[in-house]
Every structure is written in C-alpha cells, then in structure tokens.
PDB file of N, CA and C in Angstrom:
ATOM      1  N   MET A   1      96.184 272.604 198.769  1.00  0.00           N
ATOM      2  CA  MET A   1      97.181 272.792 199.812  1.00  0.00           C
ATOM      3  C   MET A   1      96.712 273.877 200.755  1.00  0.00           C
ATOM      4  N   LYS A   2      97.208 273.810 201.970  1.00  0.00           N
ATOM      5  CA  LYS A   2      96.847 274.795 202.980  1.00  0.00           C
ATOM      6  C   LYS A   2      97.523 276.122 202.684  1.00  0.00           C
ATOM      7  N   THR A   3      96.909 277.186 203.155  1.00  0.00           N
ATOM      8  CA  THR A   3      97.474 278.519 203.049  1.00  0.00           C
ATOM      9  C   THR A   3      98.329 278.787 204.271  1.00  0.00           C
ATOM     10  N   GLY A   4      99.465 279.432 204.070  1.00  0.00           N
ATOM     11  CA  GLY A   4     100.366 279.741 205.176  1.00  0.00           C
ATOM     12  C   GLY A   4      99.832 280.847 206.057  1.00  0.00           C
ATOM     13  N   TRP A   5     100.532 281.132 207.120  1.00  0.00           N
ATOM     14  CA  TRP A   5     100.106 282.130 208.100  1.00  0.00           C
ATOM     15  C   TRP A   5      99.991 283.519 207.489  1.00  0.00           C
ATOM     16  N   ALA A   6     100.811 283.810 206.469  1.00  0.00           N
ATOM     17  CA  ALA A   6     100.806 285.143 205.864  1.00  0.00           C
ATOM     18  C   ALA A   6      99.661 285.308 204.862  1.00  0.00           C
ATOM     19  N   GLY A   7      98.997 284.222 204.503  1.00  0.00           N
ATOM     20  CA  GLY A   7      97.918 284.301 203.524  1.00  0.00           C
ATOM     21  C   GLY A   7      98.453 284.457 202.110  1.00  0.00           C
ATOM     22  N   LEU A   8      97.547 284.692 201.192  1.00  0.00           N
ATOM     23  CA  LEU A   8      97.911 284.852 199.788  1.00  0.00           C
ATOM     24  C   LEU A   8      97.929 286.329 199.448  1.00  0.00           C
ATOM     25  N   ASN A   9      99.001 286.783 198.840  1.00  0.00           N
ATOM     26  CA  ASN A   9      99.085 288.175 198.433  1.00  0.00           C
ATOM     27  C   ASN A   9      98.645 288.264 196.984  1.00  0.00           C
ATOM     28  N   GLU A  10      97.533 288.929 196.733  1.00  0.00           N
ATOM     29  CA  GLU A  10      96.979 289.027 195.375  1.00  0.00           C
ATOM     30  C   GLU A  10      97.907 289.769 194.423  1.00  0.00           C
ATOM     31  N   ASP A  11      98.826 290.590 194.949  1.00  0.00           N
ATOM     32  CA  ASP A  11      99.793 291.288 194.104  1.00  0.00           C
ATOM     33  C   ASP A  11     100.759 290.326 193.419  1.00  0.00           C
ATOM     34  N   ASP A  12     100.814 289.073 193.877  1.00  0.00           N
ATOM     35  CA  ASP A  12     101.716 288.079 193.297  1.00  0.00           C
ATOM     36  C   ASP A  12     101.142 287.427 192.048  1.00  0.00           C
ATOM     37  N   GLY A  13      99.941 287.814 191.640  1.00  0.00           N
ATOM     38  CA  GLY A  13      99.372 287.328 190.384  1.00  0.00           C
ATOM     39  C   GLY A  13      98.951 285.872 190.416  1.00  0.00           C
ATOM     40  N   TRP A  14      98.215 285.458 191.401  1.00  0.00           N
ATOM     41  CA  TRP A  14      97.732 284.076 191.509  1.00  0.00           C
ATOM     42  C   TRP A  14      96.888 283.730 190.297  1.00  0.00           C
ATOM     43  N   SER A  15      97.106 282.530 189.741  1.00  0.00           N
ATOM     44  CA  SER A  15      96.412 282.099 188.529  1.00  0.00           C
ATOM     45  C   SER A  15      96.397 280.579 188.464  1.00  0.00           C
ATOM     46  N   THR A  16      95.443 280.036 187.751  1.00  0.00           N
ATOM     47  CA  THR A  16      95.409 278.583 187.530  1.00  0.00           C
ATOM     48  C   THR A  16      96.328 278.181 186.389  1.00  0.00           C
ATOM     49  N   GLU A  17      97.011 279.124 185.768  1.00  0.00           N
ATOM     50  CA  GLU A  17      97.850 278.867 184.594  1.00  0.00           C
ATOM     51  C   GLU A  17      99.333 278.702 184.919  1.00  0.00           C
ATOM     52  N   GLY A  18      99.693 278.516 186.155  1.00  0.00           N
ATOM     53  CA  GLY A  18     101.104 278.395 186.525  1.00  0.00           C
ATOM     54  C   GLY A  18     101.563 276.948 186.617  1.00  0.00           C
ATOM     55  N   HIS A  19     102.867 276.773 186.835  1.00  0.00           N
ATOM     56  CA  HIS A  19     103.445 275.443 187.037  1.00  0.00           C
ATOM     57  C   HIS A  19     103.019 274.925 188.406  1.00  0.00           C
ATOM     58  N   GLN A  20     102.491 273.716 188.452  1.00  0.00           N
ATOM     59  CA  GLN A  20     102.035 273.128 189.709  1.00  0.00           C
ATOM     60  C   GLN A  20     102.799 271.833 189.970  1.00  0.00           C
ATOM     61  N   ILE A  21     103.431 271.743 191.118  1.00  0.00           N
ATOM     62  CA  ILE A  21     104.222 270.554 191.455  1.00  0.00           C
ATOM     63  C   ILE A  21     103.349 269.307 191.534  1.00  0.00           C
ATOM     64  N   LEU A  22     102.062 269.473 191.871  1.00  0.00           N
ATOM     65  CA  LEU A  22     101.176 268.317 191.985  1.00  0.00           C
ATOM     66  C   LEU A  22     100.535 267.917 190.655  1.00  0.00           C
ATOM     67  N   ALA A  23     100.937 268.539 189.568  1.00  0.00           N
ATOM     68  CA  ALA A  23     100.421 268.148 188.253  1.00  0.00           C
ATOM     69  C   ALA A  23     100.815 266.695 187.990  1.00  0.00           C
ATOM     70  N   PRO A  24      99.905 265.904 187.444  1.00  0.00           N
ATOM     71  CA  PRO A  24     100.193 264.485 187.219  1.00  0.00           C
ATOM     72  C   PRO A  24     101.501 264.223 186.475  1.00  0.00           C
ATOM     73  N   GLU A  25     101.823 265.033 185.480  1.00  0.00           N
ATOM     74  CA  GLU A  25     103.055 264.796 184.715  1.00  0.00           C
ATOM     75  C   GLU A  25     104.295 265.004 185.576  1.00  0.00           C
ATOM     76  N   ASN A  26     104.257 265.946 186.506  1.00  0.00           N
ATOM     77  CA  ASN A  26     105.389 266.144 187.423  1.00  0.00           C
ATOM     78  C   ASN A  26     105.520 264.980 188.384  1.00  0.00           C
ATOM     79  N   LEU A  27     104.408 264.575 188.970  1.00  0.00           N
ATOM     80  CA  LEU A  27     104.445 263.460 189.918  1.00  0.00           C
ATOM     81  C   LEU A  27     104.889 262.169 189.242  1.00  0.00           C
ATOM     82  N   GLU A  28     104.400 261.916 188.029  1.00  0.00           N
ATOM     83  CA  GLU A  28     104.788 260.706 187.300  1.00  0.00           C
ATOM     84  C   GLU A  28     106.273 260.719 186.963  1.00  0.00           C
ATOM     85  N   ARG A  29     106.801 261.867 186.559  1.00  0.00           N
ATOM     86  CA  ARG A  29     108.230 261.981 186.212  1.00  0.00           C
ATOM     87  C   ARG A  29     109.088 261.668 187.439  1.00  0.00           C
ATOM     88  N   VAL A  30     108.731 262.225 188.580  1.00  0.00           N
ATOM     89  CA  VAL A  30     109.491 261.977 189.805  1.00  0.00           C
ATOM     90  C   VAL A  30     109.362 260.518 190.222  1.00  0.00           C
ATOM     91  N   GLN A  31     108.172 259.971 190.138  1.00  0.00           N
ATOM     92  CA  GLN A  31     107.957 258.570 190.517  1.00  0.00           C
ATOM     93  C   GLN A  31     108.791 257.630 189.647  1.00  0.00           C
ATOM     94  N   ARG A  32     108.858 257.893 188.340  1.00  0.00           N
ATOM     95  CA  ARG A  32     109.667 257.060 187.435  1.00  0.00           C
ATOM     96  C   ARG A  32     111.141 257.088 187.823  1.00  0.00           C
ATOM     97  N   VAL A  33     111.659 258.276 188.107  1.00  0.00           N
ATOM     98  CA  VAL A  33     113.072 258.380 188.503  1.00  0.00           C
ATOM     99  C   VAL A  33     113.316 257.616 189.794  1.00  0.00           C
ATOM    100  N   LEU A  34     112.443 257.787 190.764  1.00  0.00           N
ATOM    101  CA  LEU A  34     112.609 257.095 192.047  1.00  0.00           C
ATOM    102  C   LEU A  34     112.555 255.580 191.877  1.00  0.00           C
ATOM    103  N   GLU A  35     111.708 255.092 191.006  1.00  0.00           N
ATOM    104  CA  GLU A  35     111.577 253.648 190.806  1.00  0.00           C
ATOM    105  C   GLU A  35     112.686 253.065 189.932  1.00  0.00           C
ATOM    106  N   ASP A  36     113.153 253.838 188.949  1.00  0.00           N
ATOM    107  CA  ASP A  36     114.087 253.295 187.959  1.00  0.00           C
ATOM    108  C   ASP A  36     115.547 253.697 188.151  1.00  0.00           C
ATOM    109  N   GLN A  37     115.785 254.847 188.789  1.00  0.00           N
ATOM    110  CA  GLN A  37     117.151 255.361 188.832  1.00  0.00           C
ATOM    111  C   GLN A  37     117.693 255.612 190.233  1.00  0.00           C
ATOM    112  N   GLY A  38     116.833 255.956 191.167  1.00  0.00           N
ATOM    113  CA  GLY A  38     117.321 256.212 192.522  1.00  0.00           C
ATOM    114  C   GLY A  38     116.781 257.494 193.101  1.00  0.00           C
ATOM    115  N   PRO A  39     117.459 258.047 194.106  1.00  0.00           N
ATOM    116  CA  PRO A  39     116.960 259.178 194.879  1.00  0.00           C
ATOM    117  C   PRO A  39     116.762 260.459 194.070  1.00  0.00           C
ATOM    118  N   VAL A  40     115.946 261.346 194.648  1.00  0.00           N
ATOM    119  CA  VAL A  40     115.773 262.694 194.120  1.00  0.00           C
ATOM    120  C   VAL A  40     116.090 263.682 195.225  1.00  0.00           C
ATOM    121  N   ILE A  41     116.510 264.867 194.819  1.00  0.00           N
ATOM    122  CA  ILE A  41     116.764 265.967 195.736  1.00  0.00           C
ATOM    123  C   ILE A  41     115.601 266.937 195.601  1.00  0.00           C
ATOM    124  N   LEU A  42     115.041 267.356 196.732  1.00  0.00           N
ATOM    125  CA  LEU A  42     113.952 268.318 196.735  1.00  0.00           C
ATOM    126  C   LEU A  42     114.415 269.584 197.426  1.00  0.00           C
ATOM    127  N   GLU A  43     114.184 270.719 196.781  1.00  0.00           N
ATOM    128  CA  GLU A  43     114.422 272.016 197.404  1.00  0.00           C
ATOM    129  C   GLU A  43     113.070 272.687 197.598  1.00  0.00           C
ATOM    130  N   HIS A  44     112.788 273.079 198.830  1.00  0.00           N
ATOM    131  CA  HIS A  44     111.505 273.660 199.216  1.00  0.00           C
ATOM    132  C   HIS A  44     111.731 275.120 199.577  1.00  0.00           C
ATOM    133  N   ARG A  45     111.235 276.015 198.695  1.00  0.00           N
ATOM    134  CA  ARG A  45     111.321 277.450 198.952  1.00  0.00           C
ATOM    135  C   ARG A  45     109.964 277.917 199.481  1.00  0.00           C
ATOM    136  N   HIS A  46     109.968 278.536 200.635  1.00  0.00           N
ATOM    137  CA  HIS A  46     108.740 278.886 201.335  1.00  0.00           C
ATOM    138  C   HIS A  46     108.180 280.230 200.850  1.00  0.00           C
ATOM    139  N   TYR A  47     106.930 280.217 200.416  1.00  0.00           N
ATOM    140  CA  TYR A  47     106.247 281.425 199.939  1.00  0.00           C
ATOM    141  C   TYR A  47     106.149 282.447 201.064  1.00  0.00           C
ATOM    142  N   ARG A  48     106.766 283.595 200.838  1.00  0.00           N
ATOM    143  CA  ARG A  48     106.749 284.687 201.809  1.00  0.00           C
ATOM    144  C   ARG A  48     107.132 284.212 203.210  1.00  0.00           C
ATOM    145  N   GLY A  49     108.046 283.258 203.249  1.00  0.00           N
ATOM    146  CA  GLY A  49     108.431 282.661 204.520  1.00  0.00           C
ATOM    147  C   GLY A  49     109.592 283.334 205.215  1.00  0.00           C
ATOM    148  N   ALA A  50     110.308 284.219 204.518  1.00  0.00           N
ATOM    149  CA  ALA A  50     111.457 284.920 205.090  1.00  0.00           C
ATOM    150  C   ALA A  50     112.433 283.942 205.732  1.00  0.00           C
ATOM    151  N   THR A  51     112.686 282.840 205.037  1.00  0.00           N
ATOM    152  CA  THR A  51     113.600 281.823 205.541  1.00  0.00           C
ATOM    153  C   THR A  51     114.334 281.206 204.352  1.00  0.00           C
ATOM    154  N   SER A  52     115.452 280.581 204.629  1.00  0.00           N
ATOM    155  CA  SER A  52     116.188 279.925 203.547  1.00  0.00           C
ATOM    156  C   SER A  52     115.460 278.647 203.132  1.00  0.00           C
ATOM    157  N   PRO A  53     115.740 278.151 201.929  1.00  0.00           N
ATOM    158  CA  PRO A  53     115.093 276.922 201.471  1.00  0.00           C
ATOM    159  C   PRO A  53     115.498 275.717 202.309  1.00  0.00           C
ATOM    160  N   ASP A  54     114.607 274.754 202.364  1.00  0.00           N
ATOM    161  CA  ASP A  54     114.915 273.454 202.968  1.00  0.00           C
ATOM    162  C   ASP A  54     115.266 272.498 201.838  1.00  0.00           C
ATOM    163  N   ARG A  55     116.181 271.565 202.105  1.00  0.00           N
ATOM    164  CA  ARG A  55     116.586 270.590 201.087  1.00  0.00           C
ATOM    165  C   ARG A  55     116.569 269.198 201.694  1.00  0.00           C
ATOM    166  N   PHE A  56     116.051 268.246 200.902  1.00  0.00           N
ATOM    167  CA  PHE A  56     115.914 266.870 201.360  1.00  0.00           C
ATOM    168  C   PHE A  56     116.242 265.921 200.220  1.00  0.00           C
ATOM    169  N   VAL A  57     116.634 264.709 200.571  1.00  0.00           N
ATOM    170  CA  VAL A  57     116.818 263.633 199.607  1.00  0.00           C
ATOM    171  C   VAL A  57     115.749 262.588 199.908  1.00  0.00           C
ATOM    172  N   PHE A  58     115.010 262.194 198.876  1.00  0.00           N
ATOM    173  CA  PHE A  58     113.977 261.166 199.016  1.00  0.00           C
ATOM    174  C   PHE A  58     114.374 259.939 198.210  1.00  0.00           C
ATOM    175  N   GLU A  59     114.177 258.780 198.791  1.00  0.00           N
ATOM    176  CA  GLU A  59     114.515 257.524 198.132  1.00  0.00           C
ATOM    177  C   GLU A  59     113.294 256.735 197.705  1.00  0.00           C
ATOM    178  N   ASN A  60     112.097 257.207 198.079  1.00  0.00           N
ATOM    179  CA  ASN A  60     110.886 256.518 197.626  1.00  0.00           C
ATOM    180  C   ASN A  60     109.781 257.533 197.383  1.00  0.00           C
ATOM    181  N   TYR A  61     108.876 257.164 196.494  1.00  0.00           N
ATOM    182  CA  TYR A  61     107.813 258.063 196.082  1.00  0.00           C
ATOM    183  C   TYR A  61     106.855 258.377 197.228  1.00  0.00           C
ATOM    184  N   GLU A  62     106.562 257.408 198.050  1.00  0.00           N
ATOM    185  CA  GLU A  62     105.608 257.614 199.139  1.00  0.00           C
ATOM    186  C   GLU A  62     106.066 258.735 200.071  1.00  0.00           C
ATOM    187  N   GLY A  63     107.339 258.724 200.439  1.00  0.00           N
ATOM    188  CA  GLY A  63     107.874 259.767 201.301  1.00  0.00           C
ATOM    189  C   GLY A  63     107.875 261.130 200.632  1.00  0.00           C
ATOM    190  N   PHE A  64     108.240 261.156 199.357  1.00  0.00           N
ATOM    191  CA  PHE A  64     108.236 262.390 198.578  1.00  0.00           C
ATOM    192  C   PHE A  64     106.829 262.982 198.516  1.00  0.00           C
ATOM    193  N   HIS A  65     105.869 262.161 198.140  1.00  0.00           N
ATOM    194  CA  HIS A  65     104.488 262.622 197.985  1.00  0.00           C
ATOM    195  C   HIS A  65     103.903 263.058 199.326  1.00  0.00           C
ATOM    196  N   ALA A  66     104.166 262.309 200.370  1.00  0.00           N
ATOM    197  CA  ALA A  66     103.681 262.676 201.707  1.00  0.00           C
ATOM    198  C   ALA A  66     104.252 264.020 202.137  1.00  0.00           C
ATOM    199  N   TYR A  67     105.511 264.281 201.823  1.00  0.00           N
ATOM    200  CA  TYR A  67     106.117 265.566 202.162  1.00  0.00           C
ATOM    201  C   TYR A  67     105.354 266.705 201.486  1.00  0.00           C
ATOM    202  N   LEU A  68     105.084 266.551 200.199  1.00  0.00           N
ATOM    203  CA  LEU A  68     104.360 267.597 199.472  1.00  0.00           C
ATOM    204  C   LEU A  68     103.000 267.880 200.105  1.00  0.00           C
ATOM    205  N   LEU A  69     102.302 266.826 200.486  1.00  0.00           N
ATOM    206  CA  LEU A  69     100.944 266.982 201.004  1.00  0.00           C
ATOM    207  C   LEU A  69     100.890 267.491 202.446  1.00  0.00           C
ATOM    208  N   THR A  70     101.942 267.257 203.219  1.00  0.00           N
ATOM    209  CA  THR A  70     101.875 267.609 204.639  1.00  0.00           C
ATOM    210  C   THR A  70     102.775 268.773 205.043  1.00  0.00           C
ATOM    211  N   LYS A  71     103.814 269.053 204.290  1.00  0.00           N
ATOM    212  CA  LYS A  71     104.780 270.076 204.710  1.00  0.00           C
ATOM    213  C   LYS A  71     104.766 271.336 203.841  1.00  0.00           C
ATOM    214  N   CYS A  72     104.095 271.293 202.709  1.00  0.00           N
ATOM    215  CA  CYS A  72     104.097 272.426 201.786  1.00  0.00           C
ATOM    216  C   CYS A  72     102.797 273.216 201.905  1.00  0.00           C
ATOM    217  N   LEU A  73     102.917 274.504 201.675  1.00  0.00           N
ATOM    218  CA  LEU A  73     101.766 275.396 201.733  1.00  0.00           C
ATOM    219  C   LEU A  73     101.563 276.050 200.366  1.00  0.00           C
ATOM    220  N   ALA A  74     100.361 276.551 200.144  1.00  0.00           N
ATOM    221  CA  ALA A  74     100.046 277.215 198.877  1.00  0.00           C
ATOM    222  C   ALA A  74     101.078 278.299 198.590  1.00  0.00           C
ATOM    223  N   GLY A  75     101.611 278.301 197.375  1.00  0.00           N
ATOM    224  CA  GLY A  75     102.592 279.290 196.950  1.00  0.00           C
ATOM    225  C   GLY A  75     104.029 278.865 197.130  1.00  0.00           C
ATOM    226  N   ASP A  76     104.297 277.845 197.927  1.00  0.00           N
ATOM    227  CA  ASP A  76     105.671 277.368 198.081  1.00  0.00           C
ATOM    228  C   ASP A  76     106.201 276.909 196.726  1.00  0.00           C
ATOM    229  N   SER A  77     107.471 277.084 196.503  1.00  0.00           N
ATOM    230  CA  SER A  77     108.113 276.694 195.253  1.00  0.00           C
ATOM    231  C   SER A  77     108.977 275.453 195.498  1.00  0.00           C
ATOM    232  N   ILE A  78     108.770 274.438 194.674  1.00  0.00           N
ATOM    233  CA  ILE A  78     109.465 273.164 194.839  1.00  0.00           C
ATOM    234  C   ILE A  78     110.295 272.870 193.594  1.00  0.00           C
ATOM    235  N   TYR A  79     111.557 272.578 193.788  1.00  0.00           N
ATOM    236  CA  TYR A  79     112.434 272.109 192.712  1.00  0.00           C
ATOM    237  C   TYR A  79     112.841 270.680 193.047  1.00  0.00           C
ATOM    238  N   VAL A  80     112.913 269.824 192.025  1.00  0.00           N
ATOM    239  CA  VAL A  80     113.303 268.428 192.228  1.00  0.00           C
ATOM    240  C   VAL A  80     114.360 268.076 191.180  1.00  0.00           C
ATOM    241  N   TRP A  81     115.440 267.435 191.624  1.00  0.00           N
ATOM    242  CA  TRP A  81     116.507 266.986 190.730  1.00  0.00           C
ATOM    243  C   TRP A  81     116.751 265.502 190.897  1.00  0.00           C
ATOM    244  N   ASN A  82     117.179 264.881 189.824  1.00  0.00           N
ATOM    245  CA  ASN A  82     117.591 263.477 189.830  1.00  0.00           C
ATOM    246  C   ASN A  82     118.993 263.426 190.445  1.00  0.00           C
ATOM    247  N   PHE A  83     119.115 262.820 191.608  1.00  0.00           N
ATOM    248  CA  PHE A  83     120.384 262.744 192.320  1.00  0.00           C
ATOM    249  C   PHE A  83     121.494 262.180 191.437  1.00  0.00           C
ATOM    250  N   ALA A  84     121.214 261.093 190.708  1.00  0.00           N
ATOM    251  CA  ALA A  84     122.232 260.428 189.891  1.00  0.00           C
ATOM    252  C   ALA A  84     122.741 261.314 188.764  1.00  0.00           C
ATOM    253  N   GLU A  85     121.925 262.231 188.281  1.00  0.00           N
ATOM    254  CA  GLU A  85     122.338 263.108 187.189  1.00  0.00           C
ATOM    255  C   GLU A  85     123.172 264.291 187.661  1.00  0.00           C
ATOM    256  N   VAL A  86     122.918 264.776 188.856  1.00  0.00           N
ATOM    257  CA  VAL A  86     123.615 265.984 189.307  1.00  0.00           C
ATOM    258  C   VAL A  86     124.730 265.727 190.311  1.00  0.00           C
ATOM    259  N   CYS A  87     124.702 264.605 190.982  1.00  0.00           N
ATOM    260  CA  CYS A  87     125.706 264.316 192.020  1.00  0.00           C
ATOM    261  C   CYS A  87     126.694 263.274 191.506  1.00  0.00           C
ATOM    262  N   LYS A  88     127.629 263.722 190.704  1.00  0.00           N
ATOM    263  CA  LYS A  88     128.649 262.850 190.127  1.00  0.00           C
ATOM    264  C   LYS A  88     129.953 263.036 190.895  1.00  0.00           C
ATOM    265  N   HIS A  89     130.706 261.966 191.047  1.00  0.00           N
ATOM    266  CA  HIS A  89     131.965 262.030 191.792  1.00  0.00           C
ATOM    267  C   HIS A  89     132.921 263.067 191.212  1.00  0.00           C
ATOM    268  N   ASP A  90     132.970 263.185 189.883  1.00  0.00           N
ATOM    269  CA  ASP A  90     133.897 264.143 189.278  1.00  0.00           C
ATOM    270  C   ASP A  90     133.423 265.587 189.437  1.00  0.00           C
ATOM    271  N   LYS A  91     132.230 265.798 189.955  1.00  0.00           N
ATOM    272  CA  LYS A  91     131.692 267.145 190.164  1.00  0.00           C
ATOM    273  C   LYS A  91     131.673 267.538 191.643  1.00  0.00           C
ATOM    274  N   SER A  92     132.209 266.692 192.517  1.00  0.00           N
ATOM    275  CA  SER A  92     132.132 266.977 193.948  1.00  0.00           C
ATOM    276  C   SER A  92     132.957 268.210 194.312  1.00  0.00           C
ATOM    277  N   LEU A  93     132.486 268.939 195.266  1.00  0.00           N
ATOM    278  CA  LEU A  93     133.169 270.131 195.747  1.00  0.00           C
ATOM    279  C   LEU A  93     134.373 269.760 196.608  1.00  0.00           C
ATOM    280  N   ALA A  94     134.224 268.712 197.376  1.00  0.00           N
ATOM    281  CA  ALA A  94     135.301 268.229 198.242  1.00  0.00           C
ATOM    282  C   ALA A  94     135.105 266.730 198.447  1.00  0.00           C
ATOM    283  N   HIS A  95     136.179 266.046 198.763  1.00  0.00           N
ATOM    284  CA  HIS A  95     136.109 264.619 199.045  1.00  0.00           C
ATOM    285  C   HIS A  95     137.234 264.272 200.006  1.00  0.00           C
ATOM    286  N   GLY A  96     136.967 263.371 200.873  1.00  0.00           N
ATOM    287  CA  GLY A  96     137.982 262.902 201.800  1.00  0.00           C
ATOM    288  C   GLY A  96     137.393 261.850 202.711  1.00  0.00           C
ATOM    289  N   LYS A  97     138.244 261.197 203.457  1.00  0.00           N
ATOM    290  CA  LYS A  97     137.811 260.185 204.415  1.00  0.00           C
ATOM    291  C   LYS A  97     137.979 260.746 205.814  1.00  0.00           C
ATOM    292  N   CYS A  98     137.169 260.284 206.717  1.00  0.00           N
ATOM    293  CA  CYS A  98     137.226 260.747 208.105  1.00  0.00           C
ATOM    294  C   CYS A  98     138.408 260.089 208.813  1.00  0.00           C
ATOM    295  N   PRO A  99     139.250 260.891 209.456  1.00  0.00           N
ATOM    296  CA  PRO A  99     140.426 260.342 210.132  1.00  0.00           C
ATOM    297  C   PRO A  99     140.094 259.765 211.505  1.00  0.00           C
ATOM    298  N   ASP A 100     140.972 258.864 211.945  1.00  0.00           N
ATOM    299  CA  ASP A 100     140.851 258.358 213.318  1.00  0.00           C
ATOM    300  C   ASP A 100     141.504 259.371 214.265  1.00  0.00           C
ATOM    301  N   ASP A 101     141.627 259.020 215.540  1.00  0.00           N
ATOM    302  CA  ASP A 101     142.165 259.962 216.525  1.00  0.00           C
ATOM    303  C   ASP A 101     143.655 260.239 216.341  1.00  0.00           C
ATOM    304  N   GLN A 102     144.316 259.500 215.427  1.00  0.00           N
ATOM    305  CA  GLN A 102     145.727 259.744 215.126  1.00  0.00           C
ATOM    306  C   GLN A 102     145.905 260.422 213.774  1.00  0.00           C
ATOM    307  N   GLY A 103     144.783 260.804 213.146  1.00  0.00           N
ATOM    308  CA  GLY A 103     144.846 261.486 211.860  1.00  0.00           C
ATOM    309  C   GLY A 103     145.027 260.562 210.665  1.00  0.00           C
ATOM    310  N   ARG A 104     144.821 259.255 210.853  1.00  0.00           N
ATOM    311  CA  ARG A 104     145.013 258.293 209.759  1.00  0.00           C
ATOM    312  C   ARG A 104     143.695 258.041 209.042  1.00  0.00           C
ATOM    313  N   VAL A 105     143.813 257.790 207.727  1.00  0.00           N
ATOM    314  CA  VAL A 105     142.661 257.388 206.919  1.00  0.00           C
ATOM    315  C   VAL A 105     143.031 256.130 206.136  1.00  0.00           C
ATOM    316  N   PRO A 106     142.068 255.272 205.836  1.00  0.00           N
ATOM    317  CA  PRO A 106     142.379 254.045 205.086  1.00  0.00           C
ATOM    318  C   PRO A 106     142.617 254.339 203.604  1.00  0.00           C
ATOM    319  N   ARG A 107     143.594 253.612 203.014  1.00  0.00           N
ATOM    320  CA  ARG A 107     143.842 253.701 201.570  1.00  0.00           C
ATOM    321  C   ARG A 107     142.795 252.917 200.796  1.00  0.00           C
ATOM    322  N   ARG A 108     142.303 251.855 201.415  1.00  0.00           N
ATOM    323  CA  ARG A 108     141.298 250.995 200.789  1.00  0.00           C
ATOM    324  C   ARG A 108     140.104 250.910 201.743  1.00  0.00           C
ATOM    325  N   GLY A 109     139.106 250.170 201.330  1.00  0.00           N
ATOM    326  CA  GLY A 109     137.954 249.968 202.201  1.00  0.00           C
ATOM    327  C   GLY A 109     136.743 249.525 201.397  1.00  0.00           C
ATOM    328  N   ALA A 110     135.802 248.940 202.060  1.00  0.00           N
ATOM    329  CA  ALA A 110     134.554 248.520 201.422  1.00  0.00           C
ATOM    330  C   ALA A 110     133.553 249.647 201.524  1.00  0.00           C
ATOM    331  N   TYR A 111     133.265 250.270 200.392  1.00  0.00           N
ATOM    332  CA  TYR A 111     132.332 251.405 200.379  1.00  0.00           C
ATOM    333  C   TYR A 111     131.174 251.067 199.482  1.00  0.00           C
TER     334      TYR A 111
END
C-alpha cells in the first residue's frame, strides 16, 4: 500500500507481526459473507489523518477489494462487519416513514 503524506512514524512500532486487512484469511472471510449473506460495513480509520473515520457499505467483493487497494494507505485501520449480523430491526436507533407534504405516512406499503 502507498504511504500517506505524513509518512510512517517509527515511534508507532511498525512490524510484520501485526493484523493485516489484506491477509488472505481476512479477504476470504469477507468474500464469503458478501457471496453468502449480503453486504458488509467498512469503517476506514486514517493513520495520522486527523480526521474522523469514513464508513461505507459494500455489496460485492470487487468493490470492497478495489476500495482497499485504491483508497487506503499504509497504517490505516480497517474494521469490517457483517451487515446482517449487526443491523437488526429490533436494534435500530430510530425508525419511521417519510411523510408527504400534509404530514401523512402510509400504514402499509410494499417494502
């Protein structure tokens, strides 16, 4: 992966012994979920980026893998979750339907 504008800070203890998102077992696990269960959520924390994390939902492995190879820099931290396991209707923070210009919402509907 490319190095970011800030470079690598040796005080951060760079080593070949850390968790790597591009490790075959990680990529295979994500690919299986995408093929068998559905979308994944990716959180991208930028190494020494002084910015909040970016979050995305991927529905196919090609898009997920391309993101890692083109948008991530050395040292960035990536978390991936199975959407179906963490995004359950009974766990939602809020739910509602969008009202029309008179404030009405449908009781039924094809969703």
